[in-house]
């Protein structure tokens, strides 16, 4: 047989037919998998829903969950900078006893900034609270009264002690940029009940590390990103129509735009960005009348405003955000995220924690109490977390610590009145019921009726999910 290079394609006829046969098999397999729906985006449990003018389906149409949910909405209270678990929800009497003594922990590279130095105990008492007797720091006196509705996780951990990457992981599941946020996944999987409001609203009381990527939609269409609301005045900048443009004229403009977009979509049927763009135009038009009512706290009674600490100095600003959060979920908004800054207490840890807890304690307790009184807590999941905790080593302040910290959840089918998991006697490492950020996300989605392993989005040739290739629902948290 002559050398292969004598053949035009470098292969014999037998080799060519053999390899081509494999290709035919792959083509047939692709067709069969497509018939079974293997290549369809599985993030949406149901794709049915209303269409926009021009026959473009709304990306925010309400969709059915994977299974019956415990919660219809989620409020995520994000404490920017990393609150100290040792001063808030994780009592460490041994740390207090040894405070001031030199100590060296086994190094935890990447997840703790300081493993050796002088131990620093909390100056606060931890008091048994509620019928459950769960201990909470005395700097949260109002929140301690709600502990029977709260499940405090004292064994959370993350993969980075750097603000930027840790913030991204807590909000998107990944340490690097470019991935959809938790609210975007929820928006994509479930849509929004109220077509006059976004499905994902963000209230910012101090900018977080990594900025807007914390509530961005990453590689998903822009329709699923968070919409930032102002806590006073005009809820969204540039929402009002231009001068002398009537609602009827706006409606005509949008209808014409929808027709033009439909013509373009005929040539590009898979262009999801086009549907997202027209959906945003439509939503902005409807929000012109719906959004201002949400921020009109004047509709609330004096007692309700007082419950949240509205108009009471230190609690006023965050109190308004918490009250708005309740008004938003009341109106069908699926996911509301509140940011409070800044808990990065490298210096003056005790004084700053006292101030920060004062600013948030009454508003958050007011939110839980108000939701419960209105019968909304059972169907609203409330989550409190930062990107990590603080070190047991320190003098005036504490440094970053992702090796073990505390978060809590309440409502939405969560079993309250419990403290799950534990760190060691000095609060450095998790020693019982480790809960990774991926597990936290899996549990949040589960309570909303979504299976985190099925909530996927096809991007760059593979299915992505917020929990990457990890995560388990924390069954002990479920009621």
Protein backbone atom coordinates (compact mmCIF):
# COMPACT_ATOMS: atom_id res chain seq x y z
CA UNK A 1 0.00 0.00 0.00
CA UNK A 2 1.50 3.40 -0.96
CA UNK A 3 2.15 6.02 1.78
CA UNK A 4 -0.90 7.98 2.97
CA UNK A 5 0.43 11.27 1.68
CA UNK A 6 -0.19 9.92 -1.85
CA UNK A 7 -3.93 10.17 -1.13
CA UNK A 8 -5.54 13.62 -1.61
CA UNK A 9 -6.93 13.82 1.98
CA UNK A 10 -4.17 11.84 3.66
CA UNK A 11 -6.49 8.89 4.34
CA UNK A 12 -7.50 5.69 2.60
CA UNK A 13 -11.08 5.21 1.38
CA UNK A 14 -11.62 2.70 4.18
CA UNK A 15 -10.46 5.22 6.82
CA UNK A 16 -12.61 7.96 5.30
CA UNK A 17 -15.78 5.82 5.38
CA UNK A 18 -15.05 4.65 8.93
CA UNK A 19 -14.69 8.23 10.30
CA UNK A 20 -17.63 9.52 8.25
CA UNK A 21 -19.75 6.75 9.70
CA UNK A 22 -18.98 8.03 13.19
CA UNK A 23 -20.11 11.47 12.05
CA UNK A 24 -23.42 10.08 10.77
CA UNK A 25 -23.93 8.45 14.16
CA UNK A 26 -23.28 11.78 15.92
CA UNK A 27 -25.76 13.56 13.66
CA UNK A 28 -28.45 10.99 14.41
CA UNK A 29 -27.73 11.18 18.14
CA UNK A 30 -28.00 14.98 18.07
CA UNK A 31 -31.40 14.74 16.37
CA UNK A 32 -32.67 12.23 18.94
CA UNK A 33 -31.43 14.31 21.89
CA UNK A 34 -33.06 17.40 20.39
CA UNK A 35 -36.35 15.50 20.09
CA UNK A 36 -36.10 14.74 23.83
CA UNK A 37 -35.50 18.40 24.64
CA UNK A 38 -31.92 17.82 25.82
CA UNK A 39 -30.61 21.07 24.31
CA UNK A 40 -33.41 23.31 25.57
CA UNK A 41 -32.60 25.81 28.30
CA UNK A 42 -33.96 24.19 31.45
CA UNK A 43 -33.82 27.26 33.66
CA UNK A 44 -37.48 27.96 33.12
CA UNK A 45 -39.70 25.38 34.73
CA UNK A 46 -42.43 26.48 32.35
CA UNK A 47 -42.14 28.61 29.21
CA UNK A 48 -45.78 29.52 28.92
CA UNK A 49 -46.85 33.08 29.58
CA UNK A 50 -48.23 36.28 28.06
CA UNK A 51 -46.73 37.86 24.98
CA UNK A 52 -45.83 41.46 24.35
CA UNK A 53 -47.35 43.51 21.51
CA UNK A 54 -45.88 42.26 18.27
CA UNK A 55 -46.01 38.64 19.47
CA UNK A 56 -42.68 38.78 21.33
CA UNK A 57 -42.98 36.59 24.43
CA UNK A 58 -42.20 38.40 27.67
CA UNK A 59 -39.01 37.14 29.36
CA UNK A 60 -40.63 38.07 32.68
CA UNK A 61 -43.84 36.10 32.16
CA UNK A 62 -44.74 34.10 35.30
CA UNK A 63 -43.64 30.47 35.12
CA UNK A 64 -44.41 27.36 37.10
CA UNK A 65 -41.72 26.19 39.58
CA UNK A 66 -40.23 22.70 39.47
CA UNK A 67 -42.30 21.70 42.51
CA UNK A 68 -44.66 23.29 45.03
CA UNK A 69 -42.78 26.17 46.69
CA UNK A 70 -42.77 27.09 50.37
CA UNK A 71 -42.09 30.75 49.56
CA UNK A 72 -43.42 33.07 46.88
CA UNK A 73 -40.85 35.81 47.43
CA UNK A 74 -37.41 36.31 48.94
CA UNK A 75 -35.95 39.33 50.75
CA UNK A 76 -32.15 39.18 50.98
CA UNK A 77 -30.61 41.49 53.60
CA UNK A 78 -26.99 41.89 52.56
CA UNK A 79 -24.57 43.36 55.11
CA UNK A 80 -21.72 44.77 53.02
CA UNK A 81 -18.19 44.17 54.32
CA UNK A 82 -18.68 41.11 56.49
CA UNK A 83 -20.31 41.40 59.94
CA UNK A 84 -18.53 39.72 62.82
CA UNK A 85 -20.16 36.40 63.73
CA UNK A 86 -18.32 36.60 67.05
CA UNK A 87 -20.14 39.81 68.04
CA UNK A 88 -23.61 38.98 66.72
CA UNK A 89 -24.85 35.37 66.48
CA UNK A 90 -22.01 33.01 67.52
CA UNK A 91 -21.30 33.21 71.29
CA UNK A 92 -17.77 32.19 72.29
CA UNK A 93 -17.29 32.25 76.10
CA UNK A 94 -13.87 30.60 75.75
CA UNK A 95 -12.73 33.36 73.40
CA UNK A 96 -13.88 35.95 75.94
CA UNK A 97 -12.02 34.11 78.70
CA UNK A 98 -8.77 34.00 76.68
CA UNK A 99 -9.12 37.50 75.25
CA UNK A 100 -5.77 39.29 74.99
CA UNK A 101 -3.67 36.12 74.98
CA UNK A 102 -1.37 35.25 72.09
CA UNK A 103 -2.65 32.40 69.95
CA UNK A 104 -1.80 30.77 66.63
CA UNK A 105 -4.37 28.88 64.55
CA UNK A 106 -3.56 26.41 61.83
CA UNK A 107 -3.18 28.56 58.76
CA UNK A 108 -6.26 28.98 56.55
CA UNK A 109 -4.68 30.53 53.46
CA UNK A 110 -7.13 32.43 51.27
CA UNK A 111 -10.05 32.19 53.69
CA UNK A 112 -8.69 34.12 56.68
CA UNK A 113 -6.54 37.23 56.81
CA UNK A 114 -5.02 36.58 60.23
CA UNK A 115 -4.32 33.25 61.97
CA UNK A 116 -1.99 34.39 64.74
CA UNK A 117 -1.87 37.23 67.25
CA UNK A 118 -3.88 38.32 70.26
CA UNK A 119 -7.34 36.83 70.74
CA UNK A 120 -10.23 39.26 70.91
CA UNK A 121 -13.44 38.28 72.68
CA UNK A 122 -16.75 40.05 72.20
CA UNK A 123 -17.53 42.76 74.79
CA UNK A 124 -21.23 41.94 74.54
CA UNK A 125 -23.34 39.46 76.46
CA UNK A 126 -25.15 36.74 74.54
CA UNK A 127 -28.64 36.27 75.95
CA UNK A 128 -30.99 33.28 75.57
CA UNK A 129 -33.97 34.62 73.64
CA UNK A 130 -37.51 33.58 72.78
CA UNK A 131 -39.10 30.28 73.72
CA UNK A 132 -36.29 28.47 71.92
CA UNK A 133 -33.58 30.04 74.08
CA UNK A 134 -31.24 30.64 71.13
CA UNK A 135 -28.49 33.02 72.19
CA UNK A 136 -28.21 36.37 70.40
CA UNK A 137 -25.88 39.28 71.13
CA UNK A 138 -27.31 42.06 73.27
CA UNK A 139 -26.54 44.55 70.48
CA UNK A 140 -29.54 43.06 68.62
CA UNK A 141 -32.26 43.56 71.28
CA UNK A 142 -35.16 43.85 68.83
CA UNK A 143 -34.03 41.02 66.58
CA UNK A 144 -33.61 38.75 69.61
CA UNK A 145 -37.37 38.97 70.08
CA UNK A 146 -37.84 37.38 66.64
CA UNK A 147 -35.44 34.48 67.19
CA UNK A 148 -38.21 31.86 67.29
CA UNK A 149 -38.82 32.59 63.59
CA UNK A 150 -35.12 32.53 62.71
CA UNK A 151 -32.76 29.69 61.85
CA UNK A 152 -29.23 30.91 62.60
CA UNK A 153 -26.55 29.06 60.64
CA UNK A 154 -23.31 29.31 62.64
CA UNK A 155 -21.32 27.14 60.25
CA UNK A 156 -21.35 28.97 56.93
CA UNK A 157 -18.14 29.16 54.89
CA UNK A 158 -16.95 30.62 51.60
CA UNK A 159 -13.89 30.34 49.37
CA UNK A 160 -12.36 33.81 49.59
CA UNK A 161 -11.48 36.37 52.24
CA UNK A 162 -11.22 39.16 49.65
CA UNK A 163 -14.21 41.51 49.51
CA UNK A 164 -14.64 41.58 45.74
CA UNK A 165 -14.54 37.86 45.04
CA UNK A 166 -16.39 36.94 48.25
CA UNK A 167 -19.19 39.39 47.43
CA UNK A 168 -19.50 37.89 43.97
CA UNK A 169 -19.66 34.37 45.39
CA UNK A 170 -22.37 35.23 47.90
CA UNK A 171 -24.40 36.96 45.21
CA UNK A 172 -23.63 34.96 42.07
CA UNK A 173 -22.09 31.69 43.28
CA UNK A 174 -18.74 32.39 41.57
CA UNK A 175 -15.56 34.16 42.62
CA UNK A 176 -15.16 35.95 39.30
CA UNK A 177 -17.29 38.35 37.29
CA UNK A 178 -19.61 37.53 34.42
CA UNK A 179 -22.19 35.28 36.10
CA UNK A 180 -25.88 35.91 36.83
CA UNK A 181 -26.86 36.91 40.34
CA UNK A 182 -29.18 34.92 42.60
CA UNK A 183 -32.03 37.32 41.88
CA UNK A 184 -31.45 36.97 38.14
CA UNK A 185 -31.62 33.17 38.37
CA UNK A 186 -34.87 33.47 40.30
CA UNK A 187 -36.22 36.03 37.85
CA UNK A 188 -35.30 33.78 34.93
CA UNK A 189 -36.71 30.63 36.44
CA UNK A 190 -39.97 32.01 37.81
CA UNK A 191 -40.67 35.33 36.09
CA UNK A 192 -42.69 37.97 37.88
CA UNK A 193 -46.27 37.81 39.11
CA UNK A 194 -46.82 41.56 38.71
CA UNK A 195 -46.20 42.51 35.07
CA UNK A 196 -46.21 46.19 36.10
CA UNK A 197 -43.15 45.74 38.32
CA UNK A 198 -39.71 44.15 37.91
CA UNK A 199 -39.23 40.67 39.32
CA UNK A 200 -35.95 41.69 40.99
CA UNK A 201 -35.54 44.99 42.86
CA UNK A 202 -32.42 46.30 44.62
CA UNK A 203 -32.34 48.89 47.44
CA UNK A 204 -28.85 50.24 48.15
CA UNK A 205 -27.84 51.79 51.47
CA UNK A 206 -24.11 51.87 50.75
CA UNK A 207 -22.49 50.44 47.62
CA UNK A 208 -21.21 46.84 47.83
CA UNK A 209 -17.80 45.63 46.72
CA UNK A 210 -17.77 44.59 43.03
CA UNK A 211 -20.58 47.09 42.40
CA UNK A 212 -23.49 46.39 40.09
CA UNK A 213 -22.21 42.94 39.12
CA UNK A 214 -23.70 41.76 42.43
CA UNK A 215 -27.17 42.11 40.93
CA UNK A 216 -26.28 41.80 37.24
CA UNK A 217 -27.61 39.19 34.85
CA UNK A 218 -24.18 38.06 33.62
CA UNK A 219 -24.53 36.06 30.40
CA UNK A 220 -28.33 36.04 30.65
CA UNK A 221 -30.46 38.65 28.84
CA UNK A 222 -30.53 42.04 30.54
CA UNK A 223 -34.24 41.66 31.38
CA UNK A 224 -33.28 39.47 34.35
CA UNK A 225 -30.90 41.87 36.12
CA UNK A 226 -31.87 43.73 39.28
CA UNK A 227 -33.61 47.10 39.02
CA UNK A 228 -32.29 49.66 41.51
CA UNK A 229 -34.97 51.65 43.32
CA UNK A 230 -34.34 54.89 45.21
CA UNK A 231 -35.66 54.88 48.76
CA UNK A 232 -37.00 58.43 48.42
CA UNK A 233 -38.27 60.69 45.65
CA UNK A 234 -38.51 59.30 42.14
CA UNK A 235 -38.07 55.50 42.52
CA UNK A 236 -36.16 55.15 39.24
CA UNK A 237 -34.23 57.89 37.49
CA UNK A 238 -35.53 58.94 34.06
CA UNK A 239 -38.67 56.84 34.50
CA UNK A 240 -41.04 59.76 33.83
CA UNK A 241 -41.91 60.43 30.17
CA UNK A 242 -40.52 63.37 28.25
CA UNK A 243 -42.41 66.64 28.51
CA UNK A 244 -45.61 66.91 26.47
CA UNK A 245 -45.63 63.21 25.54
CA UNK A 246 -48.95 61.66 26.48
CA UNK A 247 -49.51 58.08 27.56
CA UNK A 248 -51.41 57.42 24.32
CA UNK A 249 -48.47 58.69 22.25
CA UNK A 250 -46.05 56.54 24.24
CA UNK A 251 -48.28 53.52 23.66
CA UNK A 252 -48.27 54.16 19.90
CA UNK A 253 -44.46 54.49 19.91
CA UNK A 254 -44.02 51.21 21.76
CA UNK A 255 -46.45 49.40 19.47
CA UNK A 256 -44.52 50.61 16.42
CA UNK A 257 -41.23 49.62 18.05
CA UNK A 258 -42.61 46.16 18.79
CA UNK A 259 -43.61 45.74 15.14
CA UNK A 260 -40.14 46.74 13.96
CA UNK A 261 -38.51 44.42 16.45
CA UNK A 262 -40.75 41.57 15.32
CA UNK A 263 -39.56 42.15 11.75
CA UNK A 264 -35.95 41.93 12.93
CA UNK A 265 -36.71 38.88 15.02
CA UNK A 266 -38.04 37.05 11.97
CA UNK A 267 -34.49 37.15 10.60
CA UNK A 268 -32.96 36.26 14.00
CA UNK A 269 -35.49 34.00 15.78
CA UNK A 270 -33.01 33.03 18.53
CA UNK A 271 -32.06 36.60 19.48
CA UNK A 272 -33.06 36.70 23.15
CA UNK A 273 -31.54 40.16 23.60
CA UNK A 274 -34.17 41.58 21.28
CA UNK A 275 -37.01 40.19 23.39
CA UNK A 276 -35.29 41.48 26.53
CA UNK A 277 -34.96 44.97 25.07
CA UNK A 278 -38.61 45.34 24.12
CA UNK A 279 -39.63 43.81 27.46
CA UNK A 280 -37.68 46.54 29.25
CA UNK A 281 -39.40 49.25 27.21
CA UNK A 282 -42.79 47.78 28.02
CA UNK A 283 -42.01 47.37 31.70
CA UNK A 284 -40.74 50.96 32.00
CA UNK A 285 -43.98 52.19 30.45
CA UNK A 286 -46.14 50.26 32.93
CA UNK A 287 -43.94 51.19 35.90
CA UNK A 288 -44.59 54.90 35.42
CA UNK A 289 -47.80 54.51 37.38
CA UNK A 290 -46.98 51.44 39.49
CA UNK A 291 -43.51 52.25 40.88
CA UNK A 292 -44.21 55.63 42.55
CA UNK A 293 -46.91 54.03 44.70
CA UNK A 294 -44.39 51.59 46.17
CA UNK A 295 -42.16 54.31 47.59
CA UNK A 296 -45.09 56.34 48.92
CA UNK A 297 -44.58 55.44 52.57
CA UNK A 298 -47.14 58.10 53.47
CA UNK A 299 -49.76 55.41 52.86
CA UNK A 300 -48.50 53.55 55.94
CA UNK A 301 -49.80 54.20 59.44
CA UNK A 302 -47.79 55.95 62.12
CA UNK A 303 -47.55 52.69 64.05
CA UNK A 304 -46.15 50.84 61.04
CA UNK A 305 -43.51 53.50 60.40
CA UNK A 306 -42.57 53.42 64.07
CA UNK A 307 -42.27 49.62 63.93
CA UNK A 308 -39.51 49.98 61.32
CA UNK A 309 -37.83 52.93 62.99
CA UNK A 310 -38.77 55.30 60.16
CA UNK A 311 -38.20 58.90 61.23
CA UNK A 312 -36.03 57.90 64.19
CA UNK A 313 -32.56 59.11 63.28
CA UNK A 314 -30.16 56.18 62.97
CA UNK A 315 -32.83 53.71 61.87
CA UNK A 316 -34.65 55.97 59.42
CA UNK A 317 -32.86 55.18 56.17
CA UNK A 318 -32.63 51.41 56.48
CA UNK A 319 -36.08 51.34 58.06
CA UNK A 320 -37.51 52.89 54.89
CA UNK A 321 -35.75 50.24 52.78
CA UNK A 322 -37.14 47.40 54.90
CA UNK A 323 -40.63 48.88 54.72
CA UNK A 324 -40.30 49.25 50.94
CA UNK A 325 -39.21 45.62 50.75
CA UNK A 326 -42.44 44.55 52.38
CA UNK A 327 -44.47 46.75 50.04
CA UNK A 328 -42.64 45.27 47.04
CA UNK A 329 -43.24 41.61 47.90
CA UNK A 330 -46.81 42.55 48.76
CA UNK A 331 -47.15 43.68 45.14
CA UNK A 332 -45.75 40.50 43.64
CA UNK A 333 -42.04 41.32 43.30
CA UNK A 334 -40.23 37.99 43.46
CA UNK A 335 -36.79 38.96 44.82
CA UNK A 336 -35.83 42.07 46.81
CA UNK A 337 -32.25 42.69 47.90
CA UNK A 338 -31.22 45.31 50.45
CA UNK A 339 -27.60 46.40 50.84
CA UNK A 340 -26.35 47.97 54.09
CA UNK A 341 -22.80 49.30 54.35
CA UNK A 342 -20.15 49.09 55.78
CA UNK A 343 -19.31 46.26 58.16
CA UNK A 344 -15.61 46.11 57.25
CA UNK A 345 -14.37 46.72 60.80
CA UNK A 346 -10.57 46.39 60.67
CA UNK A 347 -10.47 49.21 63.19
CA UNK A 348 -12.80 50.20 66.01
CA UNK A 349 -14.74 46.96 65.64
CA UNK A 350 -16.79 47.32 68.83
CA UNK A 351 -17.94 50.90 68.37
CA UNK A 352 -18.77 50.39 64.71
CA UNK A 353 -20.67 47.15 65.30
CA UNK A 354 -22.70 48.91 67.96
CA UNK A 355 -23.60 51.64 65.48
CA UNK A 356 -24.28 49.27 62.56
CA UNK A 357 -26.44 46.97 64.65
CA UNK A 358 -28.40 49.96 65.93
CA UNK A 359 -29.06 51.07 62.34
CA UNK A 360 -30.37 47.66 61.28
CA UNK A 361 -31.75 45.93 64.40
CA UNK A 362 -35.12 47.64 64.71
CA UNK A 363 -35.79 47.85 60.94
CA UNK A 364 -35.13 44.14 60.37
CA UNK A 365 -37.12 43.10 63.44
CA UNK A 366 -39.88 45.39 62.23
CA UNK A 367 -39.83 43.69 58.83
CA UNK A 368 -40.15 40.21 60.34
CA UNK A 369 -42.88 41.34 62.74
CA UNK A 370 -44.82 43.17 60.05
CA UNK A 371 -44.64 40.27 57.61
CA UNK A 372 -45.85 37.92 60.32
CA UNK A 373 -48.73 40.16 61.37
CA UNK A 374 -49.89 40.41 57.75
CA UNK A 375 -49.66 36.67 57.17
CA UNK A 376 -46.82 37.14 54.69
CA UNK A 377 -43.89 35.60 56.58
CA UNK A 378 -44.97 32.03 55.82
CA UNK A 379 -44.65 32.76 52.11
CA UNK A 380 -41.70 35.18 52.24
CA UNK A 381 -38.17 33.90 52.76
CA UNK A 382 -35.92 36.40 54.58
CA UNK A 383 -32.14 35.91 54.42
CA UNK A 384 -29.44 37.86 56.35
CA UNK A 385 -25.79 37.52 55.31
CA UNK A 386 -22.55 39.27 54.48
CA UNK A 387 -19.74 37.99 52.30
CA UNK A 388 -17.87 36.51 55.29
CA UNK A 389 -17.26 37.00 59.03
CA UNK A 390 -14.38 38.44 61.09
CA UNK A 391 -11.31 36.94 62.73
CA UNK A 392 -11.07 35.94 66.42
CA UNK A 393 -7.60 37.54 66.29
CA UNK A 394 -7.44 41.30 66.68
CA UNK A 395 -6.87 44.23 68.98
CA UNK A 396 -8.92 47.25 68.03
CA UNK A 397 -10.52 45.60 65.00
CA UNK A 398 -11.08 42.28 63.26
CA UNK A 399 -10.00 41.17 59.80
CA UNK A 400 -11.67 39.17 57.00
CA UNK A 401 -12.65 35.58 57.76
CA UNK A 402 -14.47 33.18 55.39
CA UNK A 403 -13.46 29.99 57.20
CA UNK A 404 -16.57 30.07 59.39
CA UNK A 405 -19.26 32.71 59.91
CA UNK A 406 -22.97 33.17 60.57
CA UNK A 407 -26.01 33.80 58.39
CA UNK A 408 -29.69 33.38 59.19
CA UNK A 409 -32.95 32.64 57.43
CA UNK A 410 -36.57 33.15 58.47
CA UNK A 411 -40.04 32.52 57.06
CA UNK A 412 -40.74 30.78 53.77
CA UNK A 413 -40.91 27.28 55.25
CA UNK A 414 -37.72 27.58 57.32
CA UNK A 415 -37.72 25.91 60.74
CA UNK A 416 -37.20 28.79 63.16
CA UNK A 417 -35.96 28.84 66.72
CA UNK A 418 -32.75 26.95 66.00
CA UNK A 419 -29.00 27.47 65.73
CA UNK A 420 -27.55 25.10 63.16
CA UNK A 421 -23.90 24.08 63.04
CA UNK A 422 -20.93 25.29 65.03
CA UNK A 423 -17.47 26.76 64.81
CA UNK A 424 -14.74 25.73 67.25
CA UNK A 425 -14.46 27.22 70.76
CA UNK A 426 -12.63 30.27 69.41
CA UNK A 427 -14.78 30.76 66.28
CA UNK A 428 -12.08 30.05 63.70
CA UNK A 429 -13.12 26.85 61.89
CA UNK A 430 -16.41 25.03 61.23
CA UNK A 431 -16.60 21.83 63.27
CA UNK A 432 -20.25 20.81 62.78
CA UNK A 433 -22.79 20.92 59.91
CA UNK A 434 -20.68 22.84 57.41
CA UNK A 435 -22.83 24.98 55.11
CA UNK A 436 -21.07 26.32 52.02
CA UNK A 437 -22.41 29.30 50.06
CA UNK A 438 -23.47 26.81 47.37
CA UNK A 439 -25.57 24.98 49.96
CA UNK A 440 -27.14 28.27 51.02
CA UNK A 441 -28.10 29.07 47.43
CA UNK A 442 -29.46 25.57 46.85
CA UNK A 443 -31.65 25.92 49.95
CA UNK A 444 -32.96 29.37 48.98
CA UNK A 445 -33.93 28.13 45.52
CA UNK A 446 -35.50 25.00 46.99
CA UNK A 447 -37.81 27.08 49.17
CA UNK A 448 -38.87 28.96 46.05
CA UNK A 449 -39.76 25.69 44.32
CA UNK A 450 -36.63 25.42 42.17
CA UNK A 451 -34.22 22.50 41.91
CA UNK A 452 -30.76 24.07 41.75
CA UNK A 453 -29.46 21.19 39.62
CA UNK A 454 -32.15 21.75 36.98
CA UNK A 455 -32.04 25.55 37.03
CA UNK A 456 -29.51 25.81 34.22
CA UNK A 457 -28.64 28.15 31.38
CA UNK A 458 -26.80 27.07 28.24
CA UNK A 459 -23.79 29.34 27.72
CA UNK A 460 -20.52 28.80 25.81
CA UNK A 461 -21.41 25.21 25.06
CA UNK A 462 -22.30 24.02 28.58
CA UNK A 463 -25.10 24.32 31.08
CA UNK A 464 -24.28 26.65 33.97
CA UNK A 465 -26.05 26.91 37.31
CA UNK A 466 -25.57 29.16 40.33
CA UNK A 467 -24.20 26.28 42.43
CA UNK A 468 -21.68 25.32 39.70
CA UNK A 469 -21.10 21.55 40.26
CA UNK A 470 -21.75 21.55 44.02
CA UNK A 471 -24.40 22.45 46.59
CA UNK A 472 -26.90 20.53 48.67
CA UNK A 473 -30.19 21.63 50.19
CA UNK A 474 -29.70 21.97 53.96
CA UNK A 475 -32.50 19.69 55.12
CA UNK A 476 -32.11 20.60 58.80
CA UNK A 477 -33.24 24.15 57.99
CA UNK A 478 -36.54 23.06 56.48
CA UNK A 479 -39.74 23.15 58.50
